[in-house]
Structure formats: C-alpha cells, structure tokens
Amino acid sequence: MSTSSAAAVMDVVPERFPYRDEGCELSQSCLRCPLPQCKYDDPGWLQREKRKARDSRIVEALWHDGISVSEASARFALSPRTIFRIVKRATQDRPRLSGLEDHARAA
C-alpha cells in the first residue's frame, strides 16, 4: 500500500478535523449549548419539550388563574378541543389535578 492511499484510509483524529461549530437557533456554539441533548440527535425531543412547557403554562392558567377553556384558547392561540386534550393528559399524568377536568367542562 502506498503512503498516499494509507493516508486516505487513516481516520482523522477529532482534534485535527476542521470542525465548524456553528450551533443552531438555540445556541451559537454546540460546545457551549445549555440543552441536555442536541436537538439534532433526536429531532422530536425539542418539540416535545416545548409542547410540555406550553401545556404546563396552560394547566397553570386554568388551575391557578381560574380562566375558562375559551379564554385559554384565545390566550394560547389553540382550539378549545386542544385545550381539552391538554387537560385530559394533565389529569391522567397528575391525579391531584382531577378537579381540573370538571372546571374545564363547567367553564
């Protein structure tokens, strides 16, 4: 095997690879990213986390602020049906919120 073909087959050490750390819309640098997992490793992960955070804000508004489903629908720009789905998931995941479904239906 010639030297040039051996060099082509040789794996480049990561420290010597001309890696461009361009980050993403969440962080300017991959190496300084605050996320526990890269959004590119599991593309659905970031979307799920954003949805969980949104759902928590909706449940908080319904439960603590006492707003109605129609008010939550307008505030979060979602359909009333989506708000009811969020309430159902929240009460299944956290039984202590069982009264939330009754509140949502009554409002």
PDB file of N, CA and C in Angstrom:
ATOM      1  N   MET A   1       0.848  -1.167   0.000  1.00  0.00           N
ATOM      2  CA  MET A   1       0.000   0.000   0.000  1.00  0.00           C
ATOM      3  C   MET A   1       0.895   1.231   0.000  1.00  0.00           C
ATOM      4  N   SER A   2       0.585   2.169  -0.852  1.00  0.00           N
ATOM      5  CA  SER A   2       1.402   3.377  -0.936  1.00  0.00           C
ATOM      6  C   SER A   2       1.051   4.322   0.207  1.00  0.00           C
ATOM      7  N   THR A   3       1.911   5.298   0.428  1.00  0.00           N
ATOM      8  CA  THR A   3       1.724   6.249   1.518  1.00  0.00           C
ATOM      9  C   THR A   3       0.473   7.093   1.319  1.00  0.00           C
ATOM     10  N   SER A   4       0.204   7.504   0.083  1.00  0.00           N
ATOM     11  CA  SER A   4      -0.965   8.347  -0.170  1.00  0.00           C
ATOM     12  C   SER A   4      -2.271   7.591   0.072  1.00  0.00           C
ATOM     13  N   SER A   5      -2.330   6.313  -0.312  1.00  0.00           N
ATOM     14  CA  SER A   5      -3.558   5.552  -0.074  1.00  0.00           C
ATOM     15  C   SER A   5      -3.710   5.222   1.409  1.00  0.00           C
ATOM     16  N   ALA A   6      -2.605   5.029   2.118  1.00  0.00           N
ATOM     17  CA  ALA A   6      -2.667   4.778   3.558  1.00  0.00           C
ATOM     18  C   ALA A   6      -3.184   6.017   4.283  1.00  0.00           C
ATOM     19  N   ALA A   7      -2.790   7.205   3.833  1.00  0.00           N
ATOM     20  CA  ALA A   7      -3.249   8.449   4.447  1.00  0.00           C
ATOM     21  C   ALA A   7      -4.740   8.649   4.202  1.00  0.00           C
ATOM     22  N   ALA A   8      -5.216   8.233   3.046  1.00  0.00           N
ATOM     23  CA  ALA A   8      -6.629   8.395   2.732  1.00  0.00           C
ATOM     24  C   ALA A   8      -7.495   7.477   3.585  1.00  0.00           C
ATOM     25  N   VAL A   9      -6.984   6.302   3.928  1.00  0.00           N
ATOM     26  CA  VAL A   9      -7.725   5.341   4.716  1.00  0.00           C
ATOM     27  C   VAL A   9      -7.662   5.678   6.205  1.00  0.00           C
ATOM     28  N   MET A  10      -6.586   6.328   6.639  1.00  0.00           N
ATOM     29  CA  MET A  10      -6.379   6.645   8.043  1.00  0.00           C
ATOM     30  C   MET A  10      -7.499   7.560   8.564  1.00  0.00           C
ATOM     31  N   ASP A  11      -7.993   7.239   9.731  1.00  0.00           N
ATOM     32  CA  ASP A  11      -9.041   8.047  10.349  1.00  0.00           C
ATOM     33  C   ASP A  11      -8.414   9.305  10.943  1.00  0.00           C
ATOM     34  N   VAL A  12      -9.065  10.426  10.749  1.00  0.00           N
ATOM     35  CA  VAL A  12      -8.552  11.689  11.260  1.00  0.00           C
ATOM     36  C   VAL A  12      -8.933  11.823  12.731  1.00  0.00           C
ATOM     37  N   VAL A  13      -7.975  12.214  13.556  1.00  0.00           N
ATOM     38  CA  VAL A  13      -8.213  12.443  14.974  1.00  0.00           C
ATOM     39  C   VAL A  13      -9.181  13.624  15.097  1.00  0.00           C
ATOM     40  N   PRO A  14     -10.226  13.526  15.935  1.00  0.00           N
ATOM     41  CA  PRO A  14     -11.215  14.601  16.025  1.00  0.00           C
ATOM     42  C   PRO A  14     -10.614  15.981  16.308  1.00  0.00           C
ATOM     43  N   GLU A  15      -9.557  16.023  17.113  1.00  0.00           N
ATOM     44  CA  GLU A  15      -8.931  17.305  17.438  1.00  0.00           C
ATOM     45  C   GLU A  15      -8.310  17.967  16.214  1.00  0.00           C
ATOM     46  N   ARG A  16      -8.013  17.181  15.202  1.00  0.00           N
ATOM     47  CA  ARG A  16      -7.372  17.728  13.999  1.00  0.00           C
ATOM     48  C   ARG A  16      -8.346  17.908  12.841  1.00  0.00           C
ATOM     49  N   PHE A  17      -9.588  17.526  13.043  1.00  0.00           N
ATOM     50  CA  PHE A  17     -10.584  17.679  11.991  1.00  0.00           C
ATOM     51  C   PHE A  17     -11.054  19.130  11.963  1.00  0.00           C
ATOM     52  N   PRO A  18     -11.172  19.712  10.786  1.00  0.00           N
ATOM     53  CA  PRO A  18     -11.582  21.125  10.707  1.00  0.00           C
ATOM     54  C   PRO A  18     -13.087  21.298  10.968  1.00  0.00           C
ATOM     55  N   TYR A  19     -13.494  21.054  12.197  1.00  0.00           N
ATOM     56  CA  TYR A  19     -14.898  21.114  12.591  1.00  0.00           C
ATOM     57  C   TYR A  19     -15.331  22.564  12.756  1.00  0.00           C
ATOM     58  N   ARG A  20     -16.456  22.905  12.150  1.00  0.00           N
ATOM     59  CA  ARG A  20     -17.005  24.257  12.289  1.00  0.00           C
ATOM     60  C   ARG A  20     -18.174  24.201  13.269  1.00  0.00           C
ATOM     61  N   ASP A  21     -17.987  24.805  14.407  1.00  0.00           N
ATOM     62  CA  ASP A  21     -19.009  24.820  15.447  1.00  0.00           C
ATOM     63  C   ASP A  21     -19.960  25.984  15.183  1.00  0.00           C
ATOM     64  N   GLU A  22     -21.017  25.711  14.404  1.00  0.00           N
ATOM     65  CA  GLU A  22     -21.949  26.767  14.018  1.00  0.00           C
ATOM     66  C   GLU A  22     -23.189  26.813  14.904  1.00  0.00           C
ATOM     67  N   GLY A  23     -23.363  25.834  15.768  1.00  0.00           N
ATOM     68  CA  GLY A  23     -24.510  25.827  16.660  1.00  0.00           C
ATOM     69  C   GLY A  23     -25.828  25.683  15.922  1.00  0.00           C
ATOM     70  N   CYS A  24     -26.871  26.274  16.492  1.00  0.00           N
ATOM     71  CA  CYS A  24     -28.207  26.252  15.890  1.00  0.00           C
ATOM     72  C   CYS A  24     -28.949  27.499  16.352  1.00  0.00           C
ATOM     73  N   GLU A  25     -30.270  27.521  16.149  1.00  0.00           N
ATOM     74  CA  GLU A  25     -31.024  28.711  16.546  1.00  0.00           C
ATOM     75  C   GLU A  25     -31.138  28.851  18.061  1.00  0.00           C
ATOM     76  N   LEU A  26     -30.791  27.796  18.799  1.00  0.00           N
ATOM     77  CA  LEU A  26     -30.877  27.837  20.256  1.00  0.00           C
ATOM     78  C   LEU A  26     -29.574  28.248  20.926  1.00  0.00           C
ATOM     79  N   SER A  27     -28.464  27.958  20.286  1.00  0.00           N
ATOM     80  CA  SER A  27     -27.158  28.283  20.847  1.00  0.00           C
ATOM     81  C   SER A  27     -26.186  28.558  19.710  1.00  0.00           C
ATOM     82  N   GLN A  28     -25.353  29.566  19.875  1.00  0.00           N
ATOM     83  CA  GLN A  28     -24.401  29.908  18.819  1.00  0.00           C
ATOM     84  C   GLN A  28     -23.282  28.881  18.697  1.00  0.00           C
ATOM     85  N   SER A  29     -23.064  28.113  19.755  1.00  0.00           N
ATOM     86  CA  SER A  29     -21.985  27.133  19.754  1.00  0.00           C
ATOM     87  C   SER A  29     -22.476  25.803  20.316  1.00  0.00           C
ATOM     88  N   CYS A  30     -22.209  24.722  19.603  1.00  0.00           N
ATOM     89  CA  CYS A  30     -22.588  23.389  20.093  1.00  0.00           C
ATOM     90  C   CYS A  30     -21.863  23.067  21.399  1.00  0.00           C
ATOM     91  N   LEU A  31     -20.623  23.490  21.491  1.00  0.00           N
ATOM     92  CA  LEU A  31     -19.813  23.161  22.662  1.00  0.00           C
ATOM     93  C   LEU A  31     -20.240  23.930  23.907  1.00  0.00           C
ATOM     94  N   ARG A  32     -21.013  24.987  23.743  1.00  0.00           N
ATOM     95  CA  ARG A  32     -21.495  25.773  24.886  1.00  0.00           C
ATOM     96  C   ARG A  32     -23.022  25.722  25.012  1.00  0.00           C
ATOM     97  N   CYS A  33     -23.644  24.770  24.380  1.00  0.00           N
ATOM     98  CA  CYS A  33     -25.108  24.672  24.360  1.00  0.00           C
ATOM     99  C   CYS A  33     -25.643  24.286  25.749  1.00  0.00           C
ATOM    100  N   PRO A  34     -26.698  24.960  26.215  1.00  0.00           N
ATOM    101  CA  PRO A  34     -27.258  24.643  27.530  1.00  0.00           C
ATOM    102  C   PRO A  34     -28.191  23.427  27.535  1.00  0.00           C
ATOM    103  N   LEU A  35     -28.580  22.940  26.363  1.00  0.00           N
ATOM    104  CA  LEU A  35     -29.509  21.808  26.309  1.00  0.00           C
ATOM    105  C   LEU A  35     -28.840  20.527  26.789  1.00  0.00           C
ATOM    106  N   PRO A  36     -29.583  19.658  27.472  1.00  0.00           N
ATOM    107  CA  PRO A  36     -29.004  18.393  27.921  1.00  0.00           C
ATOM    108  C   PRO A  36     -28.783  17.406  26.783  1.00  0.00           C
ATOM    109  N   GLN A  37     -29.445  17.643  25.655  1.00  0.00           N
ATOM    110  CA  GLN A  37     -29.329  16.760  24.496  1.00  0.00           C
ATOM    111  C   GLN A  37     -29.391  17.619  23.239  1.00  0.00           C
ATOM    112  N   CYS A  38     -28.610  17.261  22.245  1.00  0.00           N
ATOM    113  CA  CYS A  38     -28.599  18.021  20.996  1.00  0.00           C
ATOM    114  C   CYS A  38     -29.917  17.827  20.257  1.00  0.00           C
ATOM    115  N   LYS A  39     -30.453  18.925  19.750  1.00  0.00           N
ATOM    116  CA  LYS A  39     -31.728  18.836  19.027  1.00  0.00           C
ATOM    117  C   LYS A  39     -31.602  18.000  17.767  1.00  0.00           C
ATOM    118  N   TYR A  40     -30.393  17.867  17.238  1.00  0.00           N
ATOM    119  CA  TYR A  40     -30.184  17.072  16.029  1.00  0.00           C
ATOM    120  C   TYR A  40     -30.055  15.579  16.340  1.00  0.00           C
ATOM    121  N   ASP A  41     -29.733  15.217  17.586  1.00  0.00           N
ATOM    122  CA  ASP A  41     -29.641  13.803  17.959  1.00  0.00           C
ATOM    123  C   ASP A  41     -31.021  13.147  17.997  1.00  0.00           C
ATOM    124  N   ASP A  42     -32.018  13.889  18.451  1.00  0.00           N
ATOM    125  CA  ASP A  42     -33.397  13.399  18.492  1.00  0.00           C
ATOM    126  C   ASP A  42     -34.289  14.563  18.085  1.00  0.00           C
ATOM    127  N   PRO A  43     -34.590  14.683  16.797  1.00  0.00           N
ATOM    128  CA  PRO A  43     -35.328  15.850  16.303  1.00  0.00           C
ATOM    129  C   PRO A  43     -36.668  16.097  17.004  1.00  0.00           C
ATOM    130  N   GLY A  44     -37.330  15.071  17.455  1.00  0.00           N
ATOM    131  CA  GLY A  44     -38.615  15.251  18.126  1.00  0.00           C
ATOM    132  C   GLY A  44     -38.497  15.687  19.572  1.00  0.00           C
ATOM    133  N   TRP A  45     -37.312  15.536  20.159  1.00  0.00           N
ATOM    134  CA  TRP A  45     -37.112  15.841  21.573  1.00  0.00           C
ATOM    135  C   TRP A  45     -37.414  17.304  21.885  1.00  0.00           C
ATOM    136  N   LEU A  46     -36.851  18.210  21.125  1.00  0.00           N
ATOM    137  CA  LEU A  46     -37.042  19.631  21.392  1.00  0.00           C
ATOM    138  C   LEU A  46     -38.511  20.017  21.242  1.00  0.00           C
ATOM    139  N   GLN A  47     -39.164  19.496  20.237  1.00  0.00           N
ATOM    140  CA  GLN A  47     -40.586  19.781  20.031  1.00  0.00           C
ATOM    141  C   GLN A  47     -41.420  19.273  21.211  1.00  0.00           C
ATOM    142  N   ARG A  48     -41.101  18.070  21.696  1.00  0.00           N
ATOM    143  CA  ARG A  48     -41.822  17.526  22.856  1.00  0.00           C
ATOM    144  C   ARG A  48     -41.612  18.394  24.091  1.00  0.00           C
ATOM    145  N   GLU A  49     -40.371  18.838  24.302  1.00  0.00           N
ATOM    146  CA  GLU A  49     -40.076  19.676  25.467  1.00  0.00           C
ATOM    147  C   GLU A  49     -40.806  21.012  25.390  1.00  0.00           C
ATOM    148  N   LYS A  50     -40.851  21.604  24.210  1.00  0.00           N
ATOM    149  CA  LYS A  50     -41.579  22.869  24.040  1.00  0.00           C
ATOM    150  C   LYS A  50     -43.071  22.670  24.287  1.00  0.00           C
ATOM    151  N   ARG A  51     -43.610  21.553  23.801  1.00  0.00           N
ATOM    152  CA  ARG A  51     -45.031  21.266  23.995  1.00  0.00           C
ATOM    153  C   ARG A  51     -45.336  21.036  25.478  1.00  0.00           C
ATOM    154  N   LYS A  52     -44.445  20.323  26.182  1.00  0.00           N
ATOM    155  CA  LYS A  52     -44.652  20.103  27.616  1.00  0.00           C
ATOM    156  C   LYS A  52     -44.655  21.426  28.376  1.00  0.00           C
ATOM    157  N   ALA A  53     -43.732  22.311  28.024  1.00  0.00           N
ATOM    158  CA  ALA A  53     -43.668  23.622  28.685  1.00  0.00           C
ATOM    159  C   ALA A  53     -44.937  24.424  28.404  1.00  0.00           C
ATOM    160  N   ARG A  54     -45.391  24.415  27.155  1.00  0.00           N
ATOM    161  CA  ARG A  54     -46.627  25.113  26.784  1.00  0.00           C
ATOM    162  C   ARG A  54     -47.813  24.537  27.554  1.00  0.00           C
ATOM    163  N   ASP A  55     -47.908  23.211  27.593  1.00  0.00           N
ATOM    164  CA  ASP A  55     -49.017  22.566  28.287  1.00  0.00           C
ATOM    165  C   ASP A  55     -49.008  22.905  29.778  1.00  0.00           C
ATOM    166  N   SER A  56     -47.824  22.976  30.370  1.00  0.00           N
ATOM    167  CA  SER A  56     -47.722  23.345  31.786  1.00  0.00           C
ATOM    168  C   SER A  56     -48.230  24.762  32.022  1.00  0.00           C
ATOM    169  N   ARG A  57     -47.897  25.672  31.107  1.00  0.00           N
ATOM    170  CA  ARG A  57     -48.385  27.055  31.236  1.00  0.00           C
ATOM    171  C   ARG A  57     -49.910  27.100  31.117  1.00  0.00           C
ATOM    172  N   ILE A  58     -50.467  26.285  30.235  1.00  0.00           N
ATOM    173  CA  ILE A  58     -51.920  26.250  30.057  1.00  0.00           C
ATOM    174  C   ILE A  58     -52.598  25.693  31.307  1.00  0.00           C
ATOM    175  N   VAL A  59     -52.075  24.594  31.831  1.00  0.00           N
ATOM    176  CA  VAL A  59     -52.644  23.998  33.042  1.00  0.00           C
ATOM    177  C   VAL A  59     -52.535  24.985  34.201  1.00  0.00           C
ATOM    178  N   GLU A  60     -51.412  25.649  34.299  1.00  0.00           N
ATOM    179  CA  GLU A  60     -51.217  26.661  35.353  1.00  0.00           C
ATOM    180  C   GLU A  60     -52.283  27.756  35.240  1.00  0.00           C
ATOM    181  N   ALA A  61     -52.520  28.229  34.020  1.00  0.00           N
ATOM    182  CA  ALA A  61     -53.515  29.286  33.810  1.00  0.00           C
ATOM    183  C   ALA A  61     -54.923  28.794  34.149  1.00  0.00           C
ATOM    184  N   LEU A  62     -55.238  27.572  33.768  1.00  0.00           N
ATOM    185  CA  LEU A  62     -56.564  27.027  34.062  1.00  0.00           C
ATOM    186  C   LEU A  62     -56.752  26.770  35.554  1.00  0.00           C
ATOM    187  N   TRP A  63     -55.748  26.185  36.163  1.00  0.00           N
ATOM    188  CA  TRP A  63     -55.859  25.741  37.551  1.00  0.00           C
ATOM    189  C   TRP A  63     -55.712  26.899  38.537  1.00  0.00           C
ATOM    190  N   HIS A  64     -54.651  27.687  38.377  1.00  0.00           N
ATOM    191  CA  HIS A  64     -54.360  28.737  39.362  1.00  0.00           C
ATOM    192  C   HIS A  64     -55.036  30.070  39.045  1.00  0.00           C
ATOM    193  N   ASP A  65     -55.086  30.433  37.775  1.00  0.00           N
ATOM    194  CA  ASP A  65     -55.704  31.711  37.410  1.00  0.00           C
ATOM    195  C   ASP A  65     -57.212  31.578  37.254  1.00  0.00           C
ATOM    196  N   GLY A  66     -57.688  30.345  37.117  1.00  0.00           N
ATOM    197  CA  GLY A  66     -59.122  30.101  37.021  1.00  0.00           C
ATOM    198  C   GLY A  66     -59.766  30.574  35.727  1.00  0.00           C
ATOM    199  N   ILE A  67     -58.984  30.616  34.649  1.00  0.00           N
ATOM    200  CA  ILE A  67     -59.563  31.058  33.376  1.00  0.00           C
ATOM    201  C   ILE A  67     -60.358  29.921  32.741  1.00  0.00           C
ATOM    202  N   SER A  68     -61.240  30.269  31.841  1.00  0.00           N
ATOM    203  CA  SER A  68     -62.064  29.267  31.161  1.00  0.00           C
ATOM    204  C   SER A  68     -61.303  28.681  29.969  1.00  0.00           C
ATOM    205  N   VAL A  69     -61.857  27.619  29.412  1.00  0.00           N
ATOM    206  CA  VAL A  69     -61.253  26.989  28.236  1.00  0.00           C
ATOM    207  C   VAL A  69     -61.227  27.967  27.068  1.00  0.00           C
ATOM    208  N   SER A  70     -62.305  28.712  26.893  1.00  0.00           N
ATOM    209  CA  SER A  70     -62.329  29.671  25.775  1.00  0.00           C
ATOM    210  C   SER A  70     -61.302  30.784  25.978  1.00  0.00           C
ATOM    211  N   GLU A  71     -61.102  31.219  27.223  1.00  0.00           N
ATOM    212  CA  GLU A  71     -60.061  32.225  27.496  1.00  0.00           C
ATOM    213  C   GLU A  71     -58.671  31.645  27.240  1.00  0.00           C
ATOM    214  N   ALA A  72     -58.451  30.400  27.666  1.00  0.00           N
ATOM    215  CA  ALA A  72     -57.161  29.746  27.418  1.00  0.00           C
ATOM    216  C   ALA A  72     -56.945  29.552  25.927  1.00  0.00           C
ATOM    217  N   SER A  73     -58.006  29.201  25.233  1.00  0.00           N
ATOM    218  CA  SER A  73     -57.931  29.012  23.788  1.00  0.00           C
ATOM    219  C   SER A  73     -57.485  30.299  23.098  1.00  0.00           C
ATOM    220  N   ALA A  74     -58.062  31.409  23.492  1.00  0.00           N
ATOM    221  CA  ALA A  74     -57.689  32.700  22.899  1.00  0.00           C
ATOM    222  C   ALA A  74     -56.287  33.121  23.318  1.00  0.00           C
ATOM    223  N   ARG A  75     -55.955  32.934  24.597  1.00  0.00           N
ATOM    224  CA  ARG A  75     -54.651  33.368  25.111  1.00  0.00           C
ATOM    225  C   ARG A  75     -53.494  32.608  24.464  1.00  0.00           C
ATOM    226  N   PHE A  76     -53.675  31.307  24.244  1.00  0.00           N
ATOM    227  CA  PHE A  76     -52.589  30.482  23.720  1.00  0.00           C
ATOM    228  C   PHE A  76     -52.731  30.178  22.232  1.00  0.00           C
ATOM    229  N   ALA A  77     -53.722  30.756  21.588  1.00  0.00           N
ATOM    230  CA  ALA A  77     -53.953  30.589  20.143  1.00  0.00           C
ATOM    231  C   ALA A  77     -54.096  29.111  19.761  1.00  0.00           C
ATOM    232  N   LEU A  78     -54.915  28.403  20.535  1.00  0.00           N
ATOM    233  CA  LEU A  78     -55.198  26.990  20.283  1.00  0.00           C
ATOM    234  C   LEU A  78     -56.707  26.798  20.244  1.00  0.00           C
ATOM    235  N   SER A  79     -57.137  25.702  19.660  1.00  0.00           N
ATOM    236  CA  SER A  79     -58.572  25.422  19.625  1.00  0.00           C
ATOM    237  C   SER A  79     -59.028  24.941  21.008  1.00  0.00           C
ATOM    238  N   PRO A  80     -60.304  25.132  21.324  1.00  0.00           N
ATOM    239  CA  PRO A  80     -60.816  24.611  22.596  1.00  0.00           C
ATOM    240  C   PRO A  80     -60.607  23.097  22.718  1.00  0.00           C
ATOM    241  N   ARG A  81     -60.723  22.378  21.617  1.00  0.00           N
ATOM    242  CA  ARG A  81     -60.515  20.923  21.647  1.00  0.00           C
ATOM    243  C   ARG A  81     -59.088  20.584  22.092  1.00  0.00           C
ATOM    244  N   THR A  82     -58.114  21.347  21.613  1.00  0.00           N
ATOM    245  CA  THR A  82     -56.723  21.117  22.023  1.00  0.00           C
ATOM    246  C   THR A  82     -56.558  21.388  23.514  1.00  0.00           C
ATOM    247  N   ILE A  83     -57.210  22.419  24.018  1.00  0.00           N
ATOM    248  CA  ILE A  83     -57.147  22.715  25.457  1.00  0.00           C
ATOM    249  C   ILE A  83     -57.725  21.544  26.249  1.00  0.00           C
ATOM    250  N   PHE A  84     -58.846  20.989  25.795  1.00  0.00           N
ATOM    251  CA  PHE A  84     -59.436  19.832  26.478  1.00  0.00           C
ATOM    252  C   PHE A  84     -58.496  18.626  26.447  1.00  0.00           C
ATOM    253  N   ARG A  85     -57.797  18.418  25.339  1.00  0.00           N
ATOM    254  CA  ARG A  85     -56.822  17.309  25.260  1.00  0.00           C
ATOM    255  C   ARG A  85     -55.701  17.512  26.274  1.00  0.00           C
ATOM    256  N   ILE A  86     -55.227  18.745  26.383  1.00  0.00           N
ATOM    257  CA  ILE A  86     -54.156  19.061  27.334  1.00  0.00           C
ATOM    258  C   ILE A  86     -54.635  18.804  28.760  1.00  0.00           C
ATOM    259  N   VAL A  87     -55.866  19.207  29.059  1.00  0.00           N
ATOM    260  CA  VAL A  87     -56.441  18.980  30.390  1.00  0.00           C
ATOM    261  C   VAL A  87     -56.536  17.485  30.666  1.00  0.00           C
ATOM    262  N   LYS A  88     -56.979  16.720  29.690  1.00  0.00           N
ATOM    263  CA  LYS A  88     -57.107  15.267  29.872  1.00  0.00           C
ATOM    264  C   LYS A  88     -55.743  14.628  30.155  1.00  0.00           C
ATOM    265  N   ARG A  89     -54.729  15.017  29.370  1.00  0.00           N
ATOM    266  CA  ARG A  89     -53.374  14.484  29.606  1.00  0.00           C
ATOM    267  C   ARG A  89     -52.868  14.879  30.985  1.00  0.00           C
ATOM    268  N   ALA A  90     -53.115  16.118  31.380  1.00  0.00           N
ATOM    269  CA  ALA A  90     -52.630  16.606  32.674  1.00  0.00           C
ATOM    270  C   ALA A  90     -53.271  15.845  33.822  1.00  0.00           C
ATOM    271  N   THR A  91     -54.559  15.558  33.720  1.00  0.00           N
ATOM    272  CA  THR A  91     -55.232  14.839  34.802  1.00  0.00           C
ATOM    273  C   THR A  91     -54.844  13.363  34.828  1.00  0.00           C
ATOM    274  N   GLN A  92     -54.483  12.803  33.686  1.00  0.00           N
ATOM    275  CA  GLN A  92     -54.005  11.417  33.666  1.00  0.00           C
ATOM    276  C   GLN A  92     -52.606  11.323  34.253  1.00  0.00           C
ATOM    277  N   ASP A  93     -51.766  12.311  33.938  1.00  0.00           N
ATOM    278  CA  ASP A  93     -50.388  12.303  34.420  1.00  0.00           C
ATOM    279  C   ASP A  93     -50.284  12.692  35.894  1.00  0.00           C
ATOM    280  N   ARG A  94     -51.172  13.586  36.334  1.00  0.00           N
ATOM    281  CA  ARG A  94     -51.131  14.087  37.709  1.00  0.00           C
ATOM    282  C   ARG A  94     -52.527  13.988  38.319  1.00  0.00           C
ATOM    283  N   PRO A  95     -52.808  12.901  39.011  1.00  0.00           N
ATOM    284  CA  PRO A  95     -54.148  12.691  39.571  1.00  0.00           C
ATOM    285  C   PRO A  95     -54.610  13.810  40.510  1.00  0.00           C
ATOM    286  N   ARG A  96     -53.683  14.534  41.108  1.00  0.00           N
ATOM    287  CA  ARG A  96     -54.079  15.606  42.024  1.00  0.00           C
ATOM    288  C   ARG A  96     -54.815  16.730  41.294  1.00  0.00           C
ATOM    289  N   LEU A  97     -54.734  16.761  39.968  1.00  0.00           N
ATOM    290  CA  LEU A  97     -55.428  17.777  39.178  1.00  0.00           C
ATOM    291  C   LEU A  97     -56.789  17.289  38.689  1.00  0.00           C
ATOM    292  N   SER A  98     -57.322  16.247  39.316  1.00  0.00           N
ATOM    293  CA  SER A  98     -58.560  15.641  38.813  1.00  0.00           C
ATOM    294  C   SER A  98     -59.714  16.637  38.731  1.00  0.00           C
ATOM    295  N   GLY A  99     -59.759  17.624  39.576  1.00  0.00           N
ATOM    296  CA  GLY A  99     -60.824  18.620  39.525  1.00  0.00           C
ATOM    297  C   GLY A  99     -60.724  19.548  38.336  1.00  0.00           C
ATOM    298  N   LEU A 100     -59.587  19.548  37.676  1.00  0.00           N
ATOM    299  CA  LEU A 100     -59.379  20.442  36.537  1.00  0.00           C
ATOM    300  C   LEU A 100     -60.316  20.096  35.382  1.00  0.00           C
ATOM    301  N   GLU A 101     -60.558  18.814  35.169  1.00  0.00           N
ATOM    302  CA  GLU A 101     -61.468  18.416  34.082  1.00  0.00           C
ATOM    303  C   GLU A 101     -62.873  18.956  34.330  1.00  0.00           C
ATOM    304  N   ASP A 102     -63.336  18.866  35.573  1.00  0.00           N
ATOM    305  CA  ASP A 102     -64.662  19.387  35.901  1.00  0.00           C
ATOM    306  C   ASP A 102     -64.708  20.898  35.704  1.00  0.00           C
ATOM    307  N   HIS A 103     -63.647  21.567  36.122  1.00  0.00           N
ATOM    308  CA  HIS A 103     -63.566  23.023  35.950  1.00  0.00           C
ATOM    309  C   HIS A 103     -63.586  23.387  34.466  1.00  0.00           C
ATOM    310  N   ALA A 104     -62.850  22.642  33.656  1.00  0.00           N
ATOM    311  CA  ALA A 104     -62.773  22.930  32.220  1.00  0.00           C
ATOM    312  C   ALA A 104     -64.129  22.717  31.552  1.00  0.00           C
ATOM    313  N   ARG A 105     -64.833  21.660  31.937  1.00  0.00           N
ATOM    314  CA  ARG A 105     -66.147  21.393  31.350  1.00  0.00           C
ATOM    315  C   ARG A 105     -67.165  22.452  31.751  1.00  0.00           C
ATOM    316  N   ALA A 106     -67.068  22.919  32.992  1.00  0.00           N
ATOM    317  CA  ALA A 106     -68.040  23.890  33.501  1.00  0.00           C
ATOM    318  C   ALA A 106     -67.831  25.278  32.904  1.00  0.00           C
ATOM    319  N   ALA A 107     -66.606  25.584  32.545  1.00  0.00           N
ATOM    320  CA  ALA A 107     -66.307  26.947  32.075  1.00  0.00           C
ATOM    321  C   ALA A 107     -66.686  27.177  30.643  1.00  0.00           C
TER     322      ALA A 107
END
